[in-house]
Amino acid sequence: MNKITVLYTRIDDRQGFEDYFYGSHLPAAMSTPGLVDIRVSKFQSDEDGLPPVQVMVELLFRSEEELTEGMASDVQTEAVADFGRMLETYGLEVQFLTGTEDILS
């Protein structure tokens, strides 16, 4: 699997972010051509405070070609524009990683 991983390292308005992310942004992104799966991991605070990564989103594709085509699609063009608005609205800091995943089960 080829994937893009988005690490949300700061979210100033967590509730607003989650409401918008699950209600609008994610449903639109799910129609990306070639997308196999989207995985969302939310990490909890502990006694020392917030974790270094609060939310991790993984977009999985079967091949590098499908990833490239999907990310060049109109759906992703709109998702990227929406993402820019989310950065400002919810006080986000993010990191993007592109790579592969080996499933060892």
C-alpha atoms as a PDB file:
ATOM      1  CA  MET A   1       0.000   0.000   0.000  1.00  0.00           C
ATOM      2  CA  ASN A   2       1.091   3.552  -0.720  1.00  0.00           C
ATOM      3  CA  LYS A   3      -0.083   6.235   1.624  1.00  0.00           C
ATOM      4  CA  ILE A   4      -0.089   9.821   2.671  1.00  0.00           C
ATOM      5  CA  THR A   5       0.036  10.408   6.409  1.00  0.00           C
ATOM      6  CA  VAL A   6      -1.054  13.711   7.920  1.00  0.00           C
ATOM      7  CA  LEU A   7       0.140  14.366  11.463  1.00  0.00           C
ATOM      8  CA  TYR A   8      -1.793  17.053  13.319  1.00  0.00           C
ATOM      9  CA  THR A   9       0.697  18.325  15.894  1.00  0.00           C
ATOM     10  CA  ARG A  10      -1.415  21.262  17.097  1.00  0.00           C
ATOM     11  CA  ILE A  11      -5.174  21.757  17.111  1.00  0.00           C
ATOM     12  CA  ASP A  12      -6.296  24.886  18.952  1.00  0.00           C
ATOM     13  CA  ASP A  13     -10.040  24.200  18.568  1.00  0.00           C
ATOM     14  CA  ARG A  14     -10.274  20.391  18.854  1.00  0.00           C
ATOM     15  CA  GLN A  15     -14.073  20.182  19.045  1.00  0.00           C
ATOM     16  CA  GLY A  16     -14.621  22.573  16.146  1.00  0.00           C
ATOM     17  CA  PHE A  17     -11.997  20.719  14.123  1.00  0.00           C
ATOM     18  CA  GLU A  18     -13.548  17.299  14.773  1.00  0.00           C
ATOM     19  CA  ASP A  19     -17.078  18.516  13.989  1.00  0.00           C
ATOM     20  CA  TYR A  20     -15.984  19.994  10.660  1.00  0.00           C
ATOM     21  CA  PHE A  21     -13.500  17.240   9.807  1.00  0.00           C
ATOM     22  CA  TYR A  22     -15.982  14.391  10.282  1.00  0.00           C
ATOM     23  CA  GLY A  23     -19.018  16.306   9.044  1.00  0.00           C
ATOM     24  CA  SER A  24     -17.639  17.927   5.897  1.00  0.00           C
ATOM     25  CA  HIS A  25     -13.948  17.517   5.051  1.00  0.00           C
ATOM     26  CA  LEU A  26     -13.618  13.749   5.423  1.00  0.00           C
ATOM     27  CA  PRO A  27     -16.819  12.795   3.552  1.00  0.00           C
ATOM     28  CA  ALA A  28     -15.689  14.894   0.577  1.00  0.00           C
ATOM     29  CA  ALA A  29     -12.162  13.449   0.614  1.00  0.00           C
ATOM     30  CA  MET A  30     -13.497   9.882   0.669  1.00  0.00           C
ATOM     31  CA  SER A  31     -14.511  10.194  -2.984  1.00  0.00           C
ATOM     32  CA  THR A  32     -10.870  10.613  -4.093  1.00  0.00           C
ATOM     33  CA  PRO A  33     -10.244   8.366  -7.114  1.00  0.00           C
ATOM     34  CA  GLY A  34      -8.118   5.317  -6.267  1.00  0.00           C
ATOM     35  CA  LEU A  35      -8.476   5.782  -2.510  1.00  0.00           C
ATOM     36  CA  VAL A  36      -8.773   2.422  -0.753  1.00  0.00           C
ATOM     37  CA  ASP A  37      -9.157   3.526   2.855  1.00  0.00           C
ATOM     38  CA  ILE A  38      -8.851   6.456   5.242  1.00  0.00           C
ATOM     39  CA  ARG A  39      -7.706   5.739   8.784  1.00  0.00           C
ATOM     40  CA  VAL A  40      -7.964   8.272  11.597  1.00  0.00           C
ATOM     41  CA  SER A  41      -6.144   7.836  14.917  1.00  0.00           C
ATOM     42  CA  LYS A  42      -6.805  10.218  17.814  1.00  0.00           C
ATOM     43  CA  PHE A  43      -4.270  10.341  20.631  1.00  0.00           C
ATOM     44  CA  GLN A  44      -5.186  11.204  24.199  1.00  0.00           C
ATOM     45  CA  SER A  45      -3.584  13.614  26.606  1.00  0.00           C
ATOM     46  CA  ASP A  46      -1.805  12.177  29.618  1.00  0.00           C
ATOM     47  CA  GLU A  47      -0.625  13.595  32.931  1.00  0.00           C
ATOM     48  CA  ASP A  48       2.231  15.373  31.102  1.00  0.00           C
ATOM     49  CA  GLY A  49      -0.129  17.152  28.699  1.00  0.00           C
ATOM     50  CA  LEU A  50      -0.862  16.861  25.012  1.00  0.00           C
ATOM     51  CA  PRO A  51       0.915  14.230  22.934  1.00  0.00           C
ATOM     52  CA  PRO A  52       3.314  15.403  20.178  1.00  0.00           C
ATOM     53  CA  VAL A  53       0.761  14.191  17.618  1.00  0.00           C
ATOM     54  CA  GLN A  54      -2.901  14.731  18.431  1.00  0.00           C
ATOM     55  CA  VAL A  55      -4.487  13.205  15.303  1.00  0.00           C
ATOM     56  CA  MET A  56      -3.031  11.053  12.528  1.00  0.00           C
ATOM     57  CA  VAL A  57      -4.844  10.575   9.220  1.00  0.00           C
ATOM     58  CA  GLU A  58      -3.709   7.974   6.689  1.00  0.00           C
ATOM     59  CA  LEU A  59      -4.936   7.911   3.088  1.00  0.00           C
ATOM     60  CA  LEU A  60      -4.202   4.514   1.517  1.00  0.00           C
ATOM     61  CA  PHE A  61      -3.841   3.680  -2.169  1.00  0.00           C
ATOM     62  CA  ARG A  62      -2.938   0.379  -3.871  1.00  0.00           C
ATOM     63  CA  SER A  63      -0.087   1.852  -5.897  1.00  0.00           C
ATOM     64  CA  GLU A  64       2.058   4.929  -6.283  1.00  0.00           C
ATOM     65  CA  GLU A  65       0.337   5.619  -9.602  1.00  0.00           C
ATOM     66  CA  GLU A  66      -3.123   5.574  -8.001  1.00  0.00           C
ATOM     67  CA  LEU A  67      -1.874   7.853  -5.212  1.00  0.00           C
ATOM     68  CA  THR A  68      -0.470  10.309  -7.752  1.00  0.00           C
ATOM     69  CA  GLU A  69      -3.645  10.263  -9.856  1.00  0.00           C
ATOM     70  CA  GLY A  70      -5.903  10.572  -6.810  1.00  0.00           C
ATOM     71  CA  MET A  71      -3.976  13.512  -5.392  1.00  0.00           C
ATOM     72  CA  ALA A  72      -4.146  15.271  -8.795  1.00  0.00           C
ATOM     73  CA  SER A  73      -7.942  14.852  -8.976  1.00  0.00           C
ATOM     74  CA  ASP A  74     -10.536  17.597  -8.732  1.00  0.00           C
ATOM     75  CA  VAL A  75     -11.689  16.077  -5.422  1.00  0.00           C
ATOM     76  CA  GLN A  76      -8.242  16.593  -3.906  1.00  0.00           C
ATOM     77  CA  THR A  77      -7.880  20.069  -5.399  1.00  0.00           C
ATOM     78  CA  GLU A  78     -11.024  21.013  -3.484  1.00  0.00           C
ATOM     79  CA  ALA A  79      -9.855  19.141  -0.359  1.00  0.00           C
ATOM     80  CA  VAL A  80      -6.530  21.020  -0.374  1.00  0.00           C
ATOM     81  CA  ALA A  81      -8.327  24.368  -0.639  1.00  0.00           C
ATOM     82  CA  ASP A  82     -10.622  23.339   2.218  1.00  0.00           C
ATOM     83  CA  PHE A  83      -7.609  22.184   4.227  1.00  0.00           C
ATOM     84  CA  GLY A  84      -6.064  25.652   3.899  1.00  0.00           C
ATOM     85  CA  ARG A  85      -9.206  27.164   5.414  1.00  0.00           C
ATOM     86  CA  MET A  86      -9.117  24.581   8.211  1.00  0.00           C
ATOM     87  CA  LEU A  87      -5.527  25.535   9.093  1.00  0.00           C
ATOM     88  CA  GLU A  88      -6.569  29.068   9.888  1.00  0.00           C
ATOM     89  CA  THR A  89      -9.982  28.341  11.395  1.00  0.00           C
ATOM     90  CA  TYR A  90      -8.914  25.643  13.871  1.00  0.00           C
ATOM     91  CA  GLY A  91      -5.305  26.660  14.598  1.00  0.00           C
ATOM     92  CA  LEU A  92      -3.657  23.630  13.040  1.00  0.00           C
ATOM     93  CA  GLU A  93      -0.025  22.669  12.628  1.00  0.00           C
ATOM     94  CA  VAL A  94       0.568  19.615  10.462  1.00  0.00           C
ATOM     95  CA  GLN A  95       3.226  17.452   8.895  1.00  0.00           C
ATOM     96  CA  PHE A  96       2.763  15.407   5.720  1.00  0.00           C
ATOM     97  CA  LEU A  97       4.535  12.126   5.001  1.00  0.00           C
ATOM     98  CA  THR A  98       4.332   9.989   1.873  1.00  0.00           C
ATOM     99  CA  GLY A  99       5.422   6.367   1.966  1.00  0.00           C
ATOM    100  CA  THR A 100       4.473   2.745   1.843  1.00  0.00           C
ATOM    101  CA  GLU A 101       2.959   0.335   4.335  1.00  0.00           C
ATOM    102  CA  ASP A 102       3.820  -3.329   4.734  1.00  0.00           C
ATOM    103  CA  ILE A 103       1.085  -5.420   6.336  1.00  0.00           C
ATOM    104  CA  LEU A 104       2.657  -8.225   8.376  1.00  0.00           C
ATOM    105  CA  SER A 105      -0.158 -10.370   9.703  1.00  0.00           C
END
